[in-house]
Amino acid sequence: MYTQVTENDFIQAFIDMNREDNFSRDGLMSLYNFFEQLEDDTGEPMELDVIAICCDWYESTLDQIRQQYSNILDGDEDDGDLLDWLNDETMVIALDNGAVLYTAF
């Protein structure tokens, strides 16, 4: 049995689980849209699991990603090269606020 989850319900679920600091509002709205599209594409309903999403997805700026993966990267990648590398490694959602969402890899 499933309940229809609106964007506001999705965001509120993160607040209720004290996970509202894991993602920006833009990030949460983009994740909601991603999961809605995934449900539409697969025809399969999804369970809202806030903890699993927080374990599987990260929101960072490109500079934070450069620092986090400095042992793998050359250090002279421009933003486009960095996004290309990240897209090769995992799923990426670019946000309007300049940050990106990406899955753990």
C-alpha atoms as a PDB file:
ATOM      1  CA  MET A   1       0.000   0.000   0.000  1.00  0.00           C
ATOM      2  CA  TYR A   2       1.483   3.341  -1.060  1.00  0.00           C
ATOM      3  CA  THR A   3       0.614   6.966  -0.412  1.00  0.00           C
ATOM      4  CA  GLN A   4       1.070   9.663  -3.049  1.00  0.00           C
ATOM      5  CA  VAL A   5       3.908  11.948  -1.922  1.00  0.00           C
ATOM      6  CA  THR A   6       3.910  15.590  -2.996  1.00  0.00           C
ATOM      7  CA  GLU A   7       7.046  17.707  -3.215  1.00  0.00           C
ATOM      8  CA  ASN A   8       6.105  19.334   0.111  1.00  0.00           C
ATOM      9  CA  ASP A   9       5.588  15.897   1.715  1.00  0.00           C
ATOM     10  CA  PHE A  10       8.998  14.826   0.409  1.00  0.00           C
ATOM     11  CA  ILE A  11      10.738  17.861   1.899  1.00  0.00           C
ATOM     12  CA  GLN A  12       8.794  17.537   5.166  1.00  0.00           C
ATOM     13  CA  ALA A  13       9.918  13.899   5.484  1.00  0.00           C
ATOM     14  CA  PHE A  14      13.547  15.087   5.599  1.00  0.00           C
ATOM     15  CA  ILE A  15      12.670  17.698   8.226  1.00  0.00           C
ATOM     16  CA  ASP A  16      10.782  15.116  10.306  1.00  0.00           C
ATOM     17  CA  MET A  17      13.822  12.808  10.230  1.00  0.00           C
ATOM     18  CA  ASN A  18      16.191  15.685  11.185  1.00  0.00           C
ATOM     19  CA  ARG A  19      17.913  15.377   7.804  1.00  0.00           C
ATOM     20  CA  GLU A  20      17.012  18.788   6.385  1.00  0.00           C
ATOM     21  CA  ASP A  21      20.678  19.832   6.472  1.00  0.00           C
ATOM     22  CA  ASN A  22      21.774  17.031   4.139  1.00  0.00           C
ATOM     23  CA  PHE A  23      20.486  18.897   1.072  1.00  0.00           C
ATOM     24  CA  SER A  24      19.558  22.406   0.068  1.00  0.00           C
ATOM     25  CA  ARG A  25      15.937  23.128  -0.804  1.00  0.00           C
ATOM     26  CA  ASP A  26      16.978  23.120  -4.483  1.00  0.00           C
ATOM     27  CA  GLY A  27      18.615  19.756  -3.903  1.00  0.00           C
ATOM     28  CA  LEU A  28      15.522  18.268  -2.300  1.00  0.00           C
ATOM     29  CA  MET A  29      13.266  19.558  -5.070  1.00  0.00           C
ATOM     30  CA  SER A  30      15.621  18.119  -7.695  1.00  0.00           C
ATOM     31  CA  LEU A  31      15.725  14.757  -5.924  1.00  0.00           C
ATOM     32  CA  TYR A  32      11.931  14.708  -5.739  1.00  0.00           C
ATOM     33  CA  ASN A  33      11.710  15.416  -9.472  1.00  0.00           C
ATOM     34  CA  PHE A  34      14.344  12.756 -10.193  1.00  0.00           C
ATOM     35  CA  PHE A  35      12.448  10.089  -8.253  1.00  0.00           C
ATOM     36  CA  GLU A  36       9.118  11.133  -9.779  1.00  0.00           C
ATOM     37  CA  GLN A  37      10.628  10.806 -13.267  1.00  0.00           C
ATOM     38  CA  LEU A  38      12.175   7.447 -12.350  1.00  0.00           C
ATOM     39  CA  GLU A  39       8.751   6.186 -11.242  1.00  0.00           C
ATOM     40  CA  ASP A  40       7.224   7.406 -14.502  1.00  0.00           C
ATOM     41  CA  ASP A  41       9.990   5.822 -16.591  1.00  0.00           C
ATOM     42  CA  THR A  42       9.868   2.442 -14.843  1.00  0.00           C
ATOM     43  CA  GLY A  43       6.160   2.315 -14.063  1.00  0.00           C
ATOM     44  CA  GLU A  44       7.110   1.143 -10.562  1.00  0.00           C
ATOM     45  CA  PRO A  45       6.167   3.015  -7.387  1.00  0.00           C
ATOM     46  CA  MET A  46       9.034   3.795  -5.052  1.00  0.00           C
ATOM     47  CA  GLU A  47       9.226   3.805  -1.282  1.00  0.00           C
ATOM     48  CA  LEU A  48      10.315   7.083   0.321  1.00  0.00           C
ATOM     49  CA  ASP A  49      13.298   6.133   2.471  1.00  0.00           C
ATOM     50  CA  VAL A  50      14.923   9.323   3.746  1.00  0.00           C
ATOM     51  CA  ILE A  51      17.854   7.532   5.378  1.00  0.00           C
ATOM     52  CA  ALA A  52      18.651   5.541   2.224  1.00  0.00           C
ATOM     53  CA  ILE A  53      18.563   8.711   0.128  1.00  0.00           C
ATOM     54  CA  CYS A  54      20.912  10.429   2.585  1.00  0.00           C
ATOM     55  CA  CYS A  55      23.294   7.452   2.378  1.00  0.00           C
ATOM     56  CA  ASP A  56      23.152   7.209  -1.420  1.00  0.00           C
ATOM     57  CA  TRP A  57      23.159  10.858  -2.473  1.00  0.00           C
ATOM     58  CA  TYR A  58      25.441  13.817  -1.746  1.00  0.00           C
ATOM     59  CA  GLU A  59      25.186  17.516  -2.504  1.00  0.00           C
ATOM     60  CA  SER A  60      28.458  19.382  -2.955  1.00  0.00           C
ATOM     61  CA  THR A  61      29.973  22.279  -4.816  1.00  0.00           C
ATOM     62  CA  LEU A  62      32.503  21.515  -7.528  1.00  0.00           C
ATOM     63  CA  ASP A  63      35.274  22.894  -5.305  1.00  0.00           C
ATOM     64  CA  GLN A  64      34.270  20.509  -2.509  1.00  0.00           C
ATOM     65  CA  ILE A  65      34.352  17.611  -4.967  1.00  0.00           C
ATOM     66  CA  ARG A  66      37.806  18.669  -6.162  1.00  0.00           C
ATOM     67  CA  GLN A  67      39.052  18.620  -2.569  1.00  0.00           C
ATOM     68  CA  GLN A  68      37.357  15.351  -1.681  1.00  0.00           C
ATOM     69  CA  TYR A  69      38.776  13.523  -4.703  1.00  0.00           C
ATOM     70  CA  SER A  70      42.139  15.296  -4.904  1.00  0.00           C
ATOM     71  CA  ASN A  71      43.939  11.954  -4.603  1.00  0.00           C
ATOM     72  CA  ILE A  72      42.258  10.808  -7.856  1.00  0.00           C
ATOM     73  CA  LEU A  73      42.097  14.043  -9.849  1.00  0.00           C
ATOM     74  CA  ASP A  74      44.958  15.916 -11.478  1.00  0.00           C
ATOM     75  CA  GLY A  75      43.932  19.144  -9.791  1.00  0.00           C
ATOM     76  CA  ASP A  76      43.853  21.241 -12.949  1.00  0.00           C
ATOM     77  CA  GLU A  77      40.423  20.139 -14.237  1.00  0.00           C
ATOM     78  CA  ASP A  78      38.051  22.930 -15.162  1.00  0.00           C
ATOM     79  CA  ASP A  79      34.415  22.683 -14.096  1.00  0.00           C
ATOM     80  CA  GLY A  80      33.394  20.995 -17.356  1.00  0.00           C
ATOM     81  CA  ASP A  81      36.118  18.356 -17.060  1.00  0.00           C
ATOM     82  CA  LEU A  82      35.181  17.740 -13.442  1.00  0.00           C
ATOM     83  CA  LEU A  83      31.507  17.282 -14.327  1.00  0.00           C
ATOM     84  CA  ASP A  84      32.455  14.944 -17.193  1.00  0.00           C
ATOM     85  CA  TRP A  85      34.580  12.851 -14.814  1.00  0.00           C
ATOM     86  CA  LEU A  86      31.824  12.764 -12.199  1.00  0.00           C
ATOM     87  CA  ASN A  87      29.228  11.779 -14.823  1.00  0.00           C
ATOM     88  CA  ASP A  88      31.504   8.927 -15.923  1.00  0.00           C
ATOM     89  CA  GLU A  89      31.700   7.670 -12.329  1.00  0.00           C
ATOM     90  CA  THR A  90      28.111   8.057 -11.105  1.00  0.00           C
ATOM     91  CA  MET A  91      24.719   9.728 -11.545  1.00  0.00           C
ATOM     92  CA  VAL A  92      24.849  13.515 -11.375  1.00  0.00           C
ATOM     93  CA  ILE A  93      22.162  16.181 -11.162  1.00  0.00           C
ATOM     94  CA  ALA A  94      23.389  19.754 -11.677  1.00  0.00           C
ATOM     95  CA  LEU A  95      21.563  22.338  -9.575  1.00  0.00           C
ATOM     96  CA  ASP A  96      20.772  25.944 -10.438  1.00  0.00           C
ATOM     97  CA  ASN A  97      22.612  27.077  -7.287  1.00  0.00           C
ATOM     98  CA  GLY A  98      25.940  25.824  -8.709  1.00  0.00           C
ATOM     99  CA  ALA A  99      26.108  22.653  -6.616  1.00  0.00           C
ATOM    100  CA  VAL A 100      25.602  19.118  -7.843  1.00  0.00           C
ATOM    101  CA  LEU A 101      23.839  16.069  -6.481  1.00  0.00           C
ATOM    102  CA  TYR A 102      25.608  12.774  -7.057  1.00  0.00           C
ATOM    103  CA  THR A 103      25.335   9.214  -5.912  1.00  0.00           C
ATOM    104  CA  ALA A 104      27.944   7.478  -3.797  1.00  0.00           C
ATOM    105  CA  PHE A 105      30.578   5.594  -5.756  1.00  0.00           C
END
